[in-house]
Protein backbone atom coordinates (compact mmCIF):
# COMPACT_ATOMS: atom_id res chain seq x y z
CA UNK A 1 2.88 -4.91 7.82
CA UNK A 2 0.16 -5.71 10.36
CA UNK A 3 -0.82 -9.13 11.76
CA UNK A 4 -4.05 -10.49 10.29
CA UNK A 5 -5.75 -13.14 12.39
CA UNK A 6 -8.73 -14.01 14.54
CA UNK A 7 -9.56 -12.07 17.68
CA UNK A 8 -12.05 -13.73 20.00
CA UNK A 9 -13.08 -16.14 17.25
CA UNK A 10 -13.44 -13.74 14.32
CA UNK A 11 -11.29 -11.75 11.92
CA UNK A 12 -11.42 -7.93 11.98
CA UNK A 13 -14.67 -6.63 10.53
CA UNK A 14 -13.70 -3.00 9.91
CA UNK A 15 -10.50 -1.50 8.51
CA UNK A 16 -10.07 2.27 8.65
CA UNK A 17 -7.30 4.25 7.01
CA UNK A 18 -6.87 7.99 6.45
CA UNK A 19 -4.71 9.21 3.59
CA UNK A 20 -3.81 12.21 1.44
CA UNK A 21 -2.37 11.89 -2.06
CA UNK A 22 -1.68 14.22 -4.98
CA UNK A 23 -0.07 11.55 -7.17
CA UNK A 24 -2.43 10.94 -10.07
CA UNK A 25 -1.85 7.26 -10.67
CA UNK A 26 -3.30 3.90 -9.74
CA UNK A 27 -2.17 3.04 -6.20
CA UNK A 28 -2.53 -0.07 -4.09
CA UNK A 29 -3.37 1.00 -0.54
CA UNK A 30 -3.58 -2.31 1.34
CA UNK A 31 -3.58 -5.99 0.47
CA UNK A 32 -4.13 -9.24 2.29
CA UNK A 33 -3.55 -12.73 1.03
CA UNK A 34 -6.62 -12.71 -1.20
CA UNK A 35 -8.08 -9.21 -1.03
CA UNK A 36 -6.93 -5.67 -1.82
CA UNK A 37 -7.89 -2.00 -1.61
CA UNK A 38 -6.85 0.25 -4.51
CA UNK A 39 -7.06 3.82 -5.78
CA UNK A 40 -8.00 3.88 -9.46
CA UNK A 41 -7.10 7.05 -11.36
CA UNK A 42 -9.73 8.76 -13.49
CA UNK A 43 -9.43 12.14 -15.22
CA UNK A 44 -7.87 15.22 -13.63
CA UNK A 45 -8.02 15.08 -9.83
CA UNK A 46 -10.76 12.45 -9.91
CA UNK A 47 -10.31 8.89 -8.76
CA UNK A 48 -12.22 6.04 -7.22
CA UNK A 49 -11.49 3.41 -4.60
CA UNK A 50 -11.84 -0.26 -5.44
CA UNK A 51 -12.27 -3.22 -3.10
CA UNK A 52 -11.31 -6.67 -4.39
CA UNK A 53 -12.10 -9.80 -2.41
CA UNK A 54 -11.10 -13.01 -4.13
CA UNK A 55 -12.01 -12.70 -7.81
CA UNK A 56 -14.72 -10.08 -7.28
CA UNK A 57 -14.35 -6.28 -7.21
CA UNK A 58 -16.51 -3.22 -6.60
CA UNK A 59 -15.57 0.43 -7.14
CA UNK A 60 -16.99 3.66 -5.80
CA UNK A 61 -18.01 6.55 -7.98
CA UNK A 62 -15.28 9.13 -8.62
CA UNK A 63 -14.37 11.88 -6.15
CA UNK A 64 -11.49 14.40 -6.19
CA UNK A 65 -9.09 12.01 -4.46
CA UNK A 66 -5.94 13.82 -5.62
CA UNK A 67 -6.80 17.27 -4.19
CA UNK A 68 -4.21 17.28 -1.35
CA UNK A 69 -6.86 16.72 1.32
CA UNK A 70 -7.28 13.77 3.68
CA UNK A 71 -9.84 11.09 2.88
CA UNK A 72 -11.17 8.61 5.43
CA UNK A 73 -11.58 5.13 3.95
CA UNK A 74 -13.35 2.30 5.75
CA UNK A 75 -14.02 -1.29 4.71
CA UNK A 76 -16.84 -2.96 6.65
CA UNK A 77 -17.57 -6.66 6.57
CA UNK A 78 -21.25 -6.41 7.43
CA UNK A 79 -21.68 -10.19 7.59
CA UNK A 80 -19.64 -13.19 6.52
CA UNK A 81 -19.71 -12.30 2.83
CA UNK A 82 -21.19 -8.78 2.54
CA UNK A 83 -18.82 -5.82 2.40
CA UNK A 84 -19.35 -2.04 2.29
CA UNK A 85 -16.63 0.41 1.29
CA UNK A 86 -16.92 4.02 2.48
CA UNK A 87 -14.82 6.95 1.24
CA UNK A 88 -15.45 10.28 2.99
CA UNK A 89 -13.80 13.69 3.15
CA UNK A 90 -14.43 16.20 5.91
CA UNK A 91 -14.12 19.95 5.47
CA UNK A 92 -14.94 22.66 8.04
CA UNK A 93 -17.05 20.38 10.24
CA UNK A 94 -19.08 18.87 7.40
CA UNK A 95 -18.78 16.00 4.96
CA UNK A 96 -17.75 17.56 1.65
CA UNK A 97 -17.32 14.42 -0.47
CA UNK A 98 -18.54 10.89 0.13
CA UNK A 99 -19.05 7.76 -1.95
CA UNK A 100 -19.62 4.12 -1.12
CA UNK A 101 -20.12 0.74 -2.73
CA UNK A 102 -21.06 -2.77 -1.69
CA UNK A 103 -19.63 -6.17 -2.59
CA UNK A 104 -20.75 -9.75 -2.04
CA UNK A 105 -17.75 -12.07 -1.90
CA UNK A 106 -16.50 -15.17 -0.14
CA UNK A 107 -15.46 -14.78 3.47
CA UNK A 108 -12.65 -17.31 2.91
CA UNK A 109 -10.74 -14.74 0.86
CA UNK A 110 -11.05 -12.16 3.64
CA UNK A 111 -9.96 -14.64 6.30
CA UNK A 112 -6.85 -15.87 4.50
CA UNK A 113 -3.17 -15.25 5.25
CA UNK A 114 -1.46 -14.11 8.44
CA UNK A 115 -0.64 -10.46 7.67
CA UNK A 116 -1.82 -7.43 5.69
CA UNK A 117 0.44 -4.85 4.11
CA UNK A 118 0.08 -1.14 3.46
CA UNK A 119 1.72 -0.17 0.16
CA UNK A 120 2.44 -3.78 -0.84
CA UNK A 121 3.24 -2.95 -4.45
CA UNK A 122 5.29 0.20 -3.84
CA UNK A 123 2.73 2.28 -5.77
CA UNK A 124 1.16 4.15 -2.84
CA UNK A 125 2.48 7.71 -2.79
CA UNK A 126 0.50 9.28 0.03
CA UNK A 127 0.57 10.70 3.52
CA UNK A 128 -0.93 8.15 5.88
CA UNK A 129 -2.72 8.83 9.15
CA UNK A 130 -4.82 6.67 11.45
CA UNK A 131 -4.85 2.97 10.58
CA UNK A 132 -7.32 0.93 12.64
CA UNK A 133 -8.78 -2.55 12.94
CA UNK A 134 -12.10 -3.13 14.69
CA UNK A 135 -13.59 -6.45 15.73
CA UNK A 136 -17.09 -5.20 14.84
CA UNK A 137 -18.48 -3.58 11.70
CA UNK A 138 -18.84 0.13 12.44
CA UNK A 139 -22.06 2.04 11.88
CA UNK A 140 -21.78 4.59 9.09
CA UNK A 141 -22.50 7.41 11.56
CA UNK A 142 -19.40 6.36 13.53
CA UNK A 143 -17.26 6.37 10.38
CA UNK A 144 -18.60 9.84 9.58
CA UNK A 145 -17.61 11.07 13.04
CA UNK A 146 -14.08 9.67 12.56
CA UNK A 147 -13.94 11.53 9.24
CA UNK A 148 -14.76 14.84 10.92
CA UNK A 149 -12.72 14.17 14.08
CA UNK A 150 -9.68 12.08 13.09
CA UNK A 151 -8.62 11.40 16.69
CA UNK A 152 -12.07 10.14 17.71
CA UNK A 153 -12.13 6.46 18.71
CA UNK A 154 -15.82 6.03 19.48
CA UNK A 155 -17.53 2.88 18.23
CA UNK A 156 -21.02 1.45 18.10
CA UNK A 157 -21.47 1.42 21.90
CA UNK A 158 -20.10 3.22 24.95
CA UNK A 159 -17.25 0.80 25.65
CA UNK A 160 -16.31 0.11 22.01
CA UNK A 161 -12.97 1.93 22.24
CA UNK A 162 -11.81 -0.50 24.91
CA UNK A 163 -13.56 -3.64 23.61
CA UNK A 164 -13.83 -3.44 19.80
CA UNK A 165 -10.82 -1.35 18.72
CA UNK A 166 -8.16 -4.04 18.51
CA UNK A 167 -5.40 -2.25 16.62
CA UNK A 168 -4.50 1.41 16.02
CA UNK A 169 -1.50 3.20 14.56
CA UNK A 170 -2.00 6.94 15.09
CA UNK A 171 1.51 7.94 13.91
CA UNK A 172 1.88 10.55 16.67
CA UNK A 173 5.31 9.37 17.82
CA UNK A 174 7.88 10.27 15.13
CA UNK A 175 10.89 7.97 14.97
CA UNK A 176 13.28 7.04 12.20
CA UNK A 177 11.46 4.09 10.66
CA UNK A 178 14.63 2.91 8.98
CA UNK A 179 16.11 1.93 12.35
CA UNK A 180 13.10 1.81 14.69
CA UNK A 181 10.74 -0.42 12.74
CA UNK A 182 8.08 -1.21 15.36
CA UNK A 183 5.13 1.20 15.14
CA UNK A 184 3.24 0.86 18.42
CA UNK A 185 -0.34 -0.27 18.63
CA UNK A 186 -1.92 2.48 20.75
CA UNK A 187 -5.29 0.74 21.18
CA UNK A 188 -6.12 -0.28 24.73
CA UNK A 189 -6.31 -3.91 23.61
CA UNK A 190 -2.80 -5.30 23.21
CA UNK A 191 -3.59 -8.99 22.85
CA UNK A 192 -4.19 -8.78 19.08
CA UNK A 193 -0.76 -7.26 18.30
CA UNK A 194 1.61 -4.82 19.97
CA UNK A 195 2.87 -3.14 16.80
CA UNK A 196 3.06 -3.05 13.04
CA UNK A 197 6.41 -3.39 11.29
CA UNK A 198 7.88 -0.73 8.99
CA UNK A 199 10.14 -1.72 6.12
CA UNK A 200 11.77 -0.04 3.12
CA UNK A 201 12.08 3.42 4.66
CA UNK A 202 15.14 5.50 3.80
CA UNK A 203 17.39 6.58 6.66
CA UNK A 204 16.40 9.98 8.08
CA UNK A 205 18.34 11.11 11.17
CA UNK A 206 16.62 14.41 11.97
CA UNK A 207 13.19 15.11 13.49
CA UNK A 208 10.43 14.61 12.34
CA UNK A 209 12.07 11.83 10.31
CA UNK A 210 9.62 10.36 7.74
CA UNK A 211 6.67 12.13 9.42
CA UNK A 212 4.84 15.34 8.46
CA UNK A 213 3.19 17.44 11.20
CA UNK A 214 -0.24 18.80 10.36
């Protein structure tokens, strides 16, 4: 669970998440009070990602989502009510798969509630890496660079990593998330939130706990 609120007068305008799944089923990745991001199963290893804001939804074309490779997913709010969803997969320094879709929806649905939740319905069966919130909508070229270089934190301008990146979980500090529930925000900006909160994890007492090195 991550706080969801205004930062310097506006709600986050980009959400980035990186995940790997082989479970061929519909999965809810993230939800807010009145919006959600889902994986929708198709045939075989194919699936699509769907963004729902209020009562409106838009889905990407299908890609091999369930192929045991990491996908970089970004939701951009380009303006108050215009959204773009990007799904990209990097392989050997190139983009191997990429799809996107756009959605026009009310900004009130995006700006509702006080928190967002990863795996809110208990249906997400995936390895998760790199969750980020940005105050600005990222250029697609920046999202592509993050796809190819998962640790990259460049933004739209030279100082974006220290001005626009307001929340980041990089999951590089393994701890037992049954007992140590605060996952540190490693972004330079700490005024948005200092951590996310883990819940529902089984007790694991040996390193690397609920983490997988890769």
